Amino acid sequence: MNGITKFCERLNECLKYSDVKQTDLAKAAGVSKQCISDYKSGKSLPCVEICI
């Protein structure tokens, strides 16, 4: 399993079992909802600064 797949699966799992919505996560991370959607689908990964 590569890093993108593992991150994607973990993000989806966290969102599924929490009350956090994509829009709220995007706002907290300072990115667009489309970025969160791309992270969830495995199209891209966030930069380190966003994760910290």
PDB file of N, CA and C in Angstrom:
ATOM      1  N   MET A   1       0.851  -1.179   0.000  1.00  0.00           N
ATOM      2  CA  MET A   1       0.000   0.000   0.000  1.00  0.00           C
ATOM      3  C   MET A   1       0.894   1.238   0.000  1.00  0.00           C
ATOM      4  N   ASN A   2       0.633   2.161  -0.907  1.00  0.00           N
ATOM      5  CA  ASN A   2       1.470   3.355  -0.966  1.00  0.00           C
ATOM      6  C   ASN A   2       0.960   4.434  -0.018  1.00  0.00           C
ATOM      7  N   GLY A   3       1.726   5.484   0.126  1.00  0.00           N
ATOM      8  CA  GLY A   3       1.395   6.553   1.068  1.00  0.00           C
ATOM      9  C   GLY A   3       0.090   7.250   0.767  1.00  0.00           C
ATOM     10  N   ILE A   4      -0.193   7.483  -0.516  1.00  0.00           N
ATOM     11  CA  ILE A   4      -1.431   8.160  -0.893  1.00  0.00           C
ATOM     12  C   ILE A   4      -2.636   7.303  -0.510  1.00  0.00           C
ATOM     13  N   THR A   5      -2.580   6.024  -0.816  1.00  0.00           N
ATOM     14  CA  THR A   5      -3.689   5.129  -0.499  1.00  0.00           C
ATOM     15  C   THR A   5      -3.917   5.056   0.999  1.00  0.00           C
ATOM     16  N   LYS A   6      -2.854   4.922   1.763  1.00  0.00           N
ATOM     17  CA  LYS A   6      -2.967   4.823   3.215  1.00  0.00           C
ATOM     18  C   LYS A   6      -3.556   6.111   3.803  1.00  0.00           C
ATOM     19  N   PHE A   7      -3.074   7.270   3.336  1.00  0.00           N
ATOM     20  CA  PHE A   7      -3.602   8.541   3.826  1.00  0.00           C
ATOM     21  C   PHE A   7      -5.073   8.676   3.474  1.00  0.00           C
ATOM     22  N   CYS A   8      -5.409   8.367   2.251  1.00  0.00           N
ATOM     23  CA  CYS A   8      -6.786   8.457   1.761  1.00  0.00           C
ATOM     24  C   CYS A   8      -7.713   7.589   2.612  1.00  0.00           C
ATOM     25  N   GLU A   9      -7.333   6.356   2.844  1.00  0.00           N
ATOM     26  CA  GLU A   9      -8.147   5.451   3.643  1.00  0.00           C
ATOM     27  C   GLU A   9      -8.299   5.958   5.077  1.00  0.00           C
ATOM     28  N   ARG A  10      -7.225   6.440   5.645  1.00  0.00           N
ATOM     29  CA  ARG A  10      -7.262   6.917   7.038  1.00  0.00           C
ATOM     30  C   ARG A  10      -8.120   8.174   7.157  1.00  0.00           C
ATOM     31  N   LEU A  11      -7.999   9.087   6.214  1.00  0.00           N
ATOM     32  CA  LEU A  11      -8.809  10.308   6.230  1.00  0.00           C
ATOM     33  C   LEU A  11     -10.288   9.953   6.130  1.00  0.00           C
ATOM     34  N   ASN A  12     -10.633   9.082   5.208  1.00  0.00           N
ATOM     35  CA  ASN A  12     -12.027   8.672   5.054  1.00  0.00           C
ATOM     36  C   ASN A  12     -12.555   8.018   6.321  1.00  0.00           C
ATOM     37  N   GLU A  13     -11.739   7.200   6.941  1.00  0.00           N
ATOM     38  CA  GLU A  13     -12.128   6.534   8.184  1.00  0.00           C
ATOM     39  C   GLU A  13     -12.364   7.560   9.294  1.00  0.00           C
ATOM     40  N   CYS A  14     -11.468   8.508   9.424  1.00  0.00           N
ATOM     41  CA  CYS A  14     -11.604   9.541  10.459  1.00  0.00           C
ATOM     42  C   CYS A  14     -12.862  10.374  10.249  1.00  0.00           C
ATOM     43  N   LEU A  15     -13.131  10.757   9.021  1.00  0.00           N
ATOM     44  CA  LEU A  15     -14.328  11.552   8.745  1.00  0.00           C
ATOM     45  C   LEU A  15     -15.596  10.740   8.979  1.00  0.00           C
ATOM     46  N   LYS A  16     -15.545   9.473   8.647  1.00  0.00           N
ATOM     47  CA  LYS A  16     -16.716   8.604   8.813  1.00  0.00           C
ATOM     48  C   LYS A  16     -17.111   8.475  10.277  1.00  0.00           C
ATOM     49  N   TYR A  17     -16.126   8.329  11.167  1.00  0.00           N
ATOM     50  CA  TYR A  17     -16.397   8.063  12.571  1.00  0.00           C
ATOM     51  C   TYR A  17     -16.371   9.304  13.460  1.00  0.00           C
ATOM     52  N   SER A  18     -16.270  10.464  12.859  1.00  0.00           N
ATOM     53  CA  SER A  18     -16.294  11.701  13.642  1.00  0.00           C
ATOM     54  C   SER A  18     -17.468  12.566  13.179  1.00  0.00           C
ATOM     55  N   ASP A  19     -17.700  13.625  13.887  1.00  0.00           N
ATOM     56  CA  ASP A  19     -18.756  14.562  13.499  1.00  0.00           C
ATOM     57  C   ASP A  19     -18.223  15.664  12.592  1.00  0.00           C
ATOM     58  N   VAL A  20     -16.972  15.565  12.178  1.00  0.00           N
ATOM     59  CA  VAL A  20     -16.348  16.586  11.349  1.00  0.00           C
ATOM     60  C   VAL A  20     -16.785  16.416   9.896  1.00  0.00           C
ATOM     61  N   LYS A  21     -17.218  17.502   9.308  1.00  0.00           N
ATOM     62  CA  LYS A  21     -17.621  17.509   7.903  1.00  0.00           C
ATOM     63  C   LYS A  21     -16.458  18.027   7.054  1.00  0.00           C
ATOM     64  N   GLN A  22     -16.470  17.672   5.774  1.00  0.00           N
ATOM     65  CA  GLN A  22     -15.410  18.120   4.865  1.00  0.00           C
ATOM     66  C   GLN A  22     -15.264  19.634   4.888  1.00  0.00           C
ATOM     67  N   THR A  23     -16.379  20.334   4.903  1.00  0.00           N
ATOM     68  CA  THR A  23     -16.343  21.798   4.891  1.00  0.00           C
ATOM     69  C   THR A  23     -15.653  22.342   6.136  1.00  0.00           C
ATOM     70  N   ASP A  24     -15.964  21.748   7.286  1.00  0.00           N
ATOM     71  CA  ASP A  24     -15.334  22.192   8.539  1.00  0.00           C
ATOM     72  C   ASP A  24     -13.841  21.901   8.548  1.00  0.00           C
ATOM     73  N   LEU A  25     -13.466  20.730   8.055  1.00  0.00           N
ATOM     74  CA  LEU A  25     -12.050  20.370   7.987  1.00  0.00           C
ATOM     75  C   LEU A  25     -11.303  21.307   7.046  1.00  0.00           C
ATOM     76  N   ALA A  26     -11.907  21.605   5.907  1.00  0.00           N
ATOM     77  CA  ALA A  26     -11.287  22.512   4.942  1.00  0.00           C
ATOM     78  C   ALA A  26     -11.055  23.889   5.561  1.00  0.00           C
ATOM     79  N   LYS A  27     -12.058  24.377   6.270  1.00  0.00           N
ATOM     80  CA  LYS A  27     -11.940  25.687   6.909  1.00  0.00           C
ATOM     81  C   LYS A  27     -10.829  25.682   7.955  1.00  0.00           C
ATOM     82  N   ALA A  28     -10.787  24.640   8.785  1.00  0.00           N
ATOM     83  CA  ALA A  28      -9.767  24.542   9.836  1.00  0.00           C
ATOM     84  C   ALA A  28      -8.357  24.418   9.253  1.00  0.00           C
ATOM     85  N   ALA A  29      -8.234  23.728   8.116  1.00  0.00           N
ATOM     86  CA  ALA A  29      -6.927  23.518   7.490  1.00  0.00           C
ATOM     87  C   ALA A  29      -6.527  24.673   6.577  1.00  0.00           C
ATOM     88  N   GLY A  30      -7.469  25.570   6.296  1.00  0.00           N
ATOM     89  CA  GLY A  30      -7.171  26.708   5.425  1.00  0.00           C
ATOM     90  C   GLY A  30      -7.066  26.322   3.960  1.00  0.00           C
ATOM     91  N   VAL A  31      -7.838  25.299   3.568  1.00  0.00           N
ATOM     92  CA  VAL A  31      -7.853  24.860   2.174  1.00  0.00           C
ATOM     93  C   VAL A  31      -9.297  24.816   1.692  1.00  0.00           C
ATOM     94  N   SER A  32      -9.478  24.597   0.414  1.00  0.00           N
ATOM     95  CA  SER A  32     -10.828  24.524  -0.139  1.00  0.00           C
ATOM     96  C   SER A  32     -11.450  23.154   0.115  1.00  0.00           C
ATOM     97  N   LYS A  33     -12.764  23.098   0.000  1.00  0.00           N
ATOM     98  CA  LYS A  33     -13.467  21.826   0.134  1.00  0.00           C
ATOM     99  C   LYS A  33     -13.012  20.875  -0.977  1.00  0.00           C
ATOM    100  N   GLN A  34     -12.687  21.427  -2.144  1.00  0.00           N
ATOM    101  CA  GLN A  34     -12.200  20.602  -3.255  1.00  0.00           C
ATOM    102  C   GLN A  34     -10.877  19.932  -2.899  1.00  0.00           C
ATOM    103  N   CYS A  35     -10.013  20.621  -2.167  1.00  0.00           N
ATOM    104  CA  CYS A  35      -8.751  20.000  -1.718  1.00  0.00           C
ATOM    105  C   CYS A  35      -9.032  18.798  -0.837  1.00  0.00           C
ATOM    106  N   ILE A  36      -9.961  18.949   0.100  1.00  0.00           N
ATOM    107  CA  ILE A  36     -10.306  17.830   0.985  1.00  0.00           C
ATOM    108  C   ILE A  36     -10.870  16.680   0.156  1.00  0.00           C
ATOM    109  N   SER A  37     -11.691  17.001  -0.822  1.00  0.00           N
ATOM    110  CA  SER A  37     -12.243  15.977  -1.709  1.00  0.00           C
ATOM    111  C   SER A  37     -11.128  15.249  -2.467  1.00  0.00           C
ATOM    112  N   ASP A  38     -10.131  16.003  -2.918  1.00  0.00           N
ATOM    113  CA  ASP A  38      -8.988  15.402  -3.616  1.00  0.00           C
ATOM    114  C   ASP A  38      -8.178  14.510  -2.678  1.00  0.00           C
ATOM    115  N   TYR A  39      -8.027  14.927  -1.424  1.00  0.00           N
ATOM    116  CA  TYR A  39      -7.322  14.098  -0.444  1.00  0.00           C
ATOM    117  C   TYR A  39      -8.096  12.809  -0.194  1.00  0.00           C
ATOM    118  N   LYS A  40      -9.420  12.929  -0.062  1.00  0.00           N
ATOM    119  CA  LYS A  40     -10.262  11.753   0.200  1.00  0.00           C
ATOM    120  C   LYS A  40     -10.227  10.751  -0.949  1.00  0.00           C
ATOM    121  N   SER A  41     -10.155  11.250  -2.171  1.00  0.00           N
ATOM    122  CA  SER A  41     -10.174  10.362  -3.338  1.00  0.00           C
ATOM    123  C   SER A  41      -8.791   9.850  -3.709  1.00  0.00           C
ATOM    124  N   GLY A  42      -7.751  10.407  -3.100  1.00  0.00           N
ATOM    125  CA  GLY A  42      -6.392   9.981  -3.399  1.00  0.00           C
ATOM    126  C   GLY A  42      -5.781  10.689  -4.587  1.00  0.00           C
ATOM    127  N   LYS A  43      -6.425  11.751  -5.054  1.00  0.00           N
ATOM    128  CA  LYS A  43      -5.881  12.518  -6.184  1.00  0.00           C
ATOM    129  C   LYS A  43      -4.663  13.325  -5.784  1.00  0.00           C
ATOM    130  N   SER A  44      -4.600  13.708  -4.514  1.00  0.00           N
ATOM    131  CA  SER A  44      -3.444  14.476  -4.051  1.00  0.00           C
ATOM    132  C   SER A  44      -3.272  14.276  -2.548  1.00  0.00           C
ATOM    133  N   LEU A  45      -2.130  14.730  -2.060  1.00  0.00           N
ATOM    134  CA  LEU A  45      -1.810  14.670  -0.632  1.00  0.00           C
ATOM    135  C   LEU A  45      -1.597  16.095  -0.136  1.00  0.00           C
ATOM    136  N   PRO A  46      -1.921  16.372   1.109  1.00  0.00           N
ATOM    137  CA  PRO A  46      -1.665  17.705   1.651  1.00  0.00           C
ATOM    138  C   PRO A  46      -0.170  17.887   1.902  1.00  0.00           C
ATOM    139  N   CYS A  47       0.265  19.133   1.889  1.00  0.00           N
ATOM    140  CA  CYS A  47       1.658  19.408   2.224  1.00  0.00           C
ATOM    141  C   CYS A  47       1.829  19.269   3.735  1.00  0.00           C
ATOM    142  N   VAL A  48       3.025  19.147   4.174  1.00  0.00           N
ATOM    143  CA  VAL A  48       3.331  18.928   5.595  1.00  0.00           C
ATOM    144  C   VAL A  48       2.782  20.073   6.447  1.00  0.00           C
ATOM    145  N   GLU A  49       2.860  21.299   5.977  1.00  0.00           N
ATOM    146  CA  GLU A  49       2.402  22.440   6.760  1.00  0.00           C
ATOM    147  C   GLU A  49       0.903  22.334   7.076  1.00  0.00           C
ATOM    148  N   ILE A  50       0.122  21.788   6.184  1.00  0.00           N
ATOM    149  CA  ILE A  50      -1.308  21.645   6.415  1.00  0.00           C
ATOM    150  C   ILE A  50      -1.583  20.564   7.452  1.00  0.00           C
ATOM    151  N   CYS A  51      -0.775  19.548   7.469  1.00  0.00           N
ATOM    152  CA  CYS A  51      -0.970  18.429   8.406  1.00  0.00           C
ATOM    153  C   CYS A  51      -0.598  18.772   9.837  1.00  0.00           C
ATOM    154  N   ILE A  52       0.247  19.764  10.005  1.00  0.00           N
ATOM    155  CA  ILE A  52       0.730  20.097  11.355  1.00  0.00           C
ATOM    156  C   ILE A  52      -0.193  21.078  12.027  1.00  0.00           C
TER     157      ILE A  52
END
